[in-house]
Each structure stands twice: as C-alpha cells, then as structure tokens.
N, C-alpha and C. Protein backbone atom coordinates (compact mmCIF):
# COMPACT_ATOMS: atom_id res chain seq x y z
N MET A 1 10.19 3.05 -17.21
CA MET A 1 8.81 2.66 -16.31
C MET A 1 7.48 4.27 -16.59
N THR A 2 8.06 4.59 -17.04
CA THR A 2 7.18 6.10 -17.44
C THR A 2 6.06 5.42 -18.07
N ASP A 3 5.97 4.92 -18.83
CA ASP A 3 4.53 4.76 -19.13
C ASP A 3 3.56 3.16 -18.63
N ALA A 4 4.23 2.80 -17.51
CA ALA A 4 3.35 2.29 -16.60
C ALA A 4 1.99 3.13 -16.26
N ARG A 5 1.08 2.43 -15.99
CA ARG A 5 -0.69 3.04 -15.95
C ARG A 5 -0.78 2.87 -14.12
N GLU A 6 -1.56 3.86 -13.55
CA GLU A 6 -2.11 3.74 -12.34
C GLU A 6 -2.78 2.38 -12.27
N SER A 7 -2.61 1.93 -11.17
CA SER A 7 -3.62 0.66 -10.65
C SER A 7 -4.39 1.01 -9.19
N HIS A 8 -5.75 0.23 -9.10
CA HIS A 8 -6.61 0.49 -8.00
C HIS A 8 -6.73 -0.75 -7.39
N ALA A 9 -6.99 -0.81 -5.74
CA ALA A 9 -7.59 -2.03 -5.38
C ALA A 9 -8.59 -2.09 -6.16
N TYR A 10 -8.82 -3.39 -6.27
CA TYR A 10 -10.27 -3.54 -7.17
C TYR A 10 -11.08 -3.17 -7.04
N ASP A 11 -12.08 -2.66 -7.69
CA ASP A 11 -13.46 -1.72 -7.32
C ASP A 11 -14.35 -2.45 -8.48
N ALA A 12 -15.53 -3.30 -8.21
CA ALA A 12 -16.39 -3.02 -8.74
C ALA A 12 -16.69 -2.37 -10.52
N ASP A 13 -17.11 -1.46 -9.66
CA ASP A 13 -17.82 -0.34 -10.04
C ASP A 13 -17.34 0.55 -11.39
N LEU A 14 -15.73 0.03 -11.43
CA LEU A 14 -14.99 0.42 -12.43
C LEU A 14 -15.39 -0.41 -13.61
N HIS A 15 -15.78 -1.40 -13.59
CA HIS A 15 -15.98 -2.64 -14.46
C HIS A 15 -17.31 -2.48 -15.21
N GLU A 16 -17.38 -3.09 -16.76
CA GLU A 16 -18.85 -3.12 -17.19
C GLU A 16 -19.68 -4.04 -16.55
N PRO A 17 -20.80 -3.48 -16.43
CA PRO A 17 -21.59 -4.23 -15.83
C PRO A 17 -21.98 -6.04 -16.02
N GLY A 18 -21.85 -7.07 -15.51
CA GLY A 18 -22.37 -8.06 -15.96
C GLY A 18 -20.31 -9.37 -16.54
N SER A 19 -19.70 -8.24 -16.45
CA SER A 19 -18.31 -8.61 -16.87
C SER A 19 -17.67 -9.32 -16.20
N PRO A 20 -16.54 -10.43 -16.25
CA PRO A 20 -16.34 -10.82 -15.06
C PRO A 20 -15.39 -10.08 -14.01
N ALA A 21 -15.13 -9.28 -14.59
CA ALA A 21 -14.63 -8.01 -13.84
C ALA A 21 -15.32 -7.51 -12.63
N ALA A 22 -16.16 -7.08 -13.31
CA ALA A 22 -17.83 -6.77 -12.72
C ALA A 22 -18.14 -7.61 -11.76
N GLU A 23 -17.52 -9.09 -12.16
CA GLU A 23 -18.09 -10.00 -10.53
C GLU A 23 -16.92 -10.55 -10.35
N GLY A 24 -15.79 -9.77 -10.21
CA GLY A 24 -14.67 -10.08 -8.89
C GLY A 24 -13.85 -11.12 -9.34
N ARG A 25 -13.94 -11.31 -11.05
CA ARG A 25 -12.90 -12.54 -11.65
C ARG A 25 -12.10 -11.73 -11.73
N CYS A 26 -10.56 -12.24 -12.27
CA CYS A 26 -9.78 -12.04 -12.80
C CYS A 26 -9.71 -11.90 -14.37
N SER A 27 -10.25 -11.02 -14.92
CA SER A 27 -10.40 -10.51 -16.79
C SER A 27 -8.99 -10.90 -17.10
N TYR A 28 -8.07 -10.60 -16.41
CA TYR A 28 -6.38 -11.01 -17.49
C TYR A 28 -6.10 -12.18 -17.93
N HIS A 29 -6.60 -13.51 -16.66
CA HIS A 29 -5.77 -14.72 -17.04
C HIS A 29 -7.27 -15.05 -17.93
N GLN A 30 -8.30 -14.34 -18.39
CA GLN A 30 -9.13 -14.99 -19.46
C GLN A 30 -9.04 -14.31 -20.57
N GLN A 31 -8.03 -13.88 -20.84
CA GLN A 31 -8.16 -12.94 -22.30
C GLN A 31 -7.31 -14.20 -23.33
N ASP A 32 -7.26 -14.04 -24.49
CA ASP A 32 -6.86 -15.30 -25.39
C ASP A 32 -5.28 -15.32 -24.82
N GLY A 33 -4.52 -16.35 -25.08
CA GLY A 33 -3.20 -16.17 -25.18
C GLY A 33 -2.39 -15.98 -23.54
N ARG A 34 -3.52 -16.33 -22.60
CA ARG A 34 -3.04 -16.18 -21.30
C ARG A 34 -2.90 -17.04 -20.69
N ASP A 35 -1.68 -17.16 -19.30
CA ASP A 35 -1.78 -19.28 -18.92
C ASP A 35 -3.05 -18.85 -17.68
N ALA A 36 -4.39 -19.75 -18.23
CA ALA A 36 -5.45 -20.05 -17.28
C ALA A 36 -5.54 -20.09 -16.16
N ALA A 37 -4.08 -21.17 -16.00
CA ALA A 37 -3.93 -22.11 -14.98
C ALA A 37 -2.99 -21.36 -13.95
N ALA A 38 -2.48 -20.36 -14.44
CA ALA A 38 -1.71 -19.19 -13.38
C ALA A 38 -2.37 -18.32 -12.51
N CYS A 39 -3.74 -18.50 -12.75
CA CYS A 39 -4.70 -17.42 -12.06
C CYS A 39 -4.97 -17.86 -10.95
N THR A 40 -4.79 -17.18 -9.73
CA THR A 40 -4.48 -17.24 -8.66
C THR A 40 -6.02 -16.59 -7.30
N GLY A 41 -6.91 -16.77 -8.53
CA GLY A 41 -8.11 -16.44 -7.98
C GLY A 41 -9.21 -15.13 -8.28
N PRO A 42 -9.83 -14.86 -7.21
CA PRO A 42 -10.65 -13.29 -7.25
C PRO A 42 -9.63 -12.28 -7.42
N ALA A 43 -10.20 -11.20 -8.14
CA ALA A 43 -9.24 -10.15 -8.50
C ALA A 43 -8.96 -8.89 -7.52
N VAL A 44 -8.10 -8.51 -7.25
CA VAL A 44 -6.98 -7.81 -6.19
C VAL A 44 -6.61 -6.38 -7.07
N VAL A 45 -6.93 -6.31 -8.10
CA VAL A 45 -6.87 -5.01 -9.04
C VAL A 45 -7.49 -4.71 -10.10
N SER A 46 -7.28 -3.59 -9.89
CA SER A 46 -8.23 -3.05 -11.55
C SER A 46 -7.53 -2.22 -12.04
N TYR A 47 -6.96 -1.90 -13.39
CA TYR A 47 -6.38 -1.16 -13.97
C TYR A 47 -6.85 -0.69 -15.38
N GLU A 48 -6.79 0.36 -16.02
CA GLU A 48 -6.93 0.27 -17.29
C GLU A 48 -6.19 0.32 -18.03
N THR A 49 -6.60 -0.18 -19.30
CA THR A 49 -6.52 -0.67 -20.72
C THR A 49 -6.66 -0.02 -21.74
N ALA A 50 -6.01 0.09 -22.67
CA ALA A 50 -6.54 1.00 -23.97
C ALA A 50 -8.03 0.48 -24.44
N ASP A 51 -8.36 -0.61 -23.87
CA ASP A 51 -9.74 -1.10 -24.41
C ASP A 51 -10.59 -0.88 -23.06
N GLY A 52 -10.35 -0.51 -22.00
CA GLY A 52 -11.57 -0.38 -20.83
C GLY A 52 -10.92 -0.60 -19.65
N TRP A 53 -11.49 -0.87 -18.52
CA TRP A 53 -11.03 -1.64 -17.39
C TRP A 53 -10.57 -2.80 -17.23
N GLU A 54 -9.54 -3.76 -16.47
CA GLU A 54 -9.39 -5.11 -16.29
C GLU A 54 -9.28 -5.25 -15.05
N SER A 55 -9.33 -6.83 -14.72
CA SER A 55 -9.27 -7.03 -13.70
C SER A 55 -7.99 -8.11 -13.07
N GLY A 56 -7.33 -7.87 -12.10
CA GLY A 56 -6.32 -9.18 -11.99
C GLY A 56 -6.42 -9.72 -10.49
N CYS A 57 -5.85 -10.96 -10.78
CA CYS A 57 -5.42 -11.73 -9.54
C CYS A 57 -4.51 -11.42 -8.65
N SER A 58 -3.64 -11.58 -8.01
CA SER A 58 -2.56 -11.50 -7.19
C SER A 58 -1.52 -11.89 -8.08
N ALA A 59 -1.24 -13.21 -9.05
CA ALA A 59 -0.67 -13.52 -10.18
C ALA A 59 0.16 -12.05 -11.12
N ALA A 60 -1.67 -12.06 -11.72
CA ALA A 60 -1.54 -10.92 -12.50
C ALA A 60 -1.14 -9.84 -12.15
N LEU A 61 -1.10 -9.09 -11.11
CA LEU A 61 -0.83 -7.87 -10.41
C LEU A 61 0.62 -7.98 -10.57
N GLU A 62 1.26 -8.84 -10.03
CA GLU A 62 2.77 -9.12 -9.82
C GLU A 62 3.57 -9.32 -11.20
N GLU A 63 2.78 -10.07 -12.23
CA GLU A 63 3.61 -9.90 -13.61
C GLU A 63 3.13 -8.51 -14.39
N LEU A 64 2.07 -8.09 -13.99
CA LEU A 64 2.16 -6.55 -14.77
C LEU A 64 2.95 -5.48 -14.42
N VAL A 65 3.26 -5.86 -13.06
CA VAL A 65 3.91 -4.97 -12.06
C VAL A 65 5.51 -4.94 -12.79
N GLU A 66 5.99 -6.13 -12.74
CA GLU A 66 7.15 -6.65 -13.26
C GLU A 66 7.79 -6.42 -14.62
N ARG A 67 6.40 -6.49 -15.45
CA ARG A 67 6.53 -6.15 -16.85
C ARG A 67 6.63 -3.89 -16.93
N GLY A 68 6.25 -3.43 -16.13
CA GLY A 68 6.33 -2.27 -16.10
C GLY A 68 4.63 -1.80 -16.62
N GLU A 69 4.05 -2.71 -16.84
CA GLU A 69 2.49 -1.91 -17.63
C GLU A 69 1.57 -1.20 -16.36
N ILE A 70 1.87 -1.45 -15.15
CA ILE A 70 1.12 -0.89 -14.01
C ILE A 70 2.21 -0.73 -13.19
N LEU A 71 1.94 0.42 -12.54
CA LEU A 71 2.24 0.58 -11.21
C LEU A 71 2.03 -0.46 -9.84
N PRO A 72 2.45 -0.68 -8.88
CA PRO A 72 2.35 -0.94 -7.83
C PRO A 72 0.97 -0.70 -6.94
N LEU A 73 0.28 -1.54 -6.83
CA LEU A 73 -0.98 -0.62 -5.75
C LEU A 73 -0.38 0.46 -4.38
N GLY A 74 -0.90 1.80 -4.70
CA GLY A 74 -0.75 2.57 -3.98
C GLY A 74 0.29 3.75 -4.25
N GLN A 75 0.83 3.41 -5.99
CA GLN A 75 2.28 4.28 -6.08
C GLN A 75 1.44 5.14 -7.13
N GLY A 76 0.66 5.13 -7.28
CA GLY A 76 -0.20 6.56 -8.67
C GLY A 76 0.06 7.84 -8.02
N ALA A 77 -0.37 8.35 -8.79
CA ALA A 77 -0.10 10.04 -8.91
C ALA A 77 -1.44 10.37 -7.51
C-alpha cells in the first residue's frame, strides 16, 4: 500500500470551481464505468489523482481505501 495517496476530509477549496466536487457531490461515482447507483450521497473525502482533485462519498472512500489507492482519513503524513 506504499502507493496510496493521502486523503483529506472533504474540502471544497481543493476542487475546481463549478465542478461536481466543488459543489459537494461525489465525483468518483460520476466517472465513466463507475456504479452510480452505489453512490451514498454527498462528498466526505477529497483525494488527489493524476488528473487533479476528486471527491468521494462514504462508499467511494471505503472502496478506494480497500483497493489501496488512498489512505484512510487521518492516516497521512
């Protein structure tokens, strides 16, 4: 899990103005190929990807942590 990136409690200021993430929505489940029905609602986490900052609902947070893509909230350096 050494490649896992830090995660932060959702922070609208990290996201591009006008984006779903900046509006407090889960951008993770809005991406192509994601199960939008699995979305549990508002963003609870902000995390950085190669394409910039994304946001995730509680289900996305759990999935990303389980896959080792991001660290659990509060586990960053």
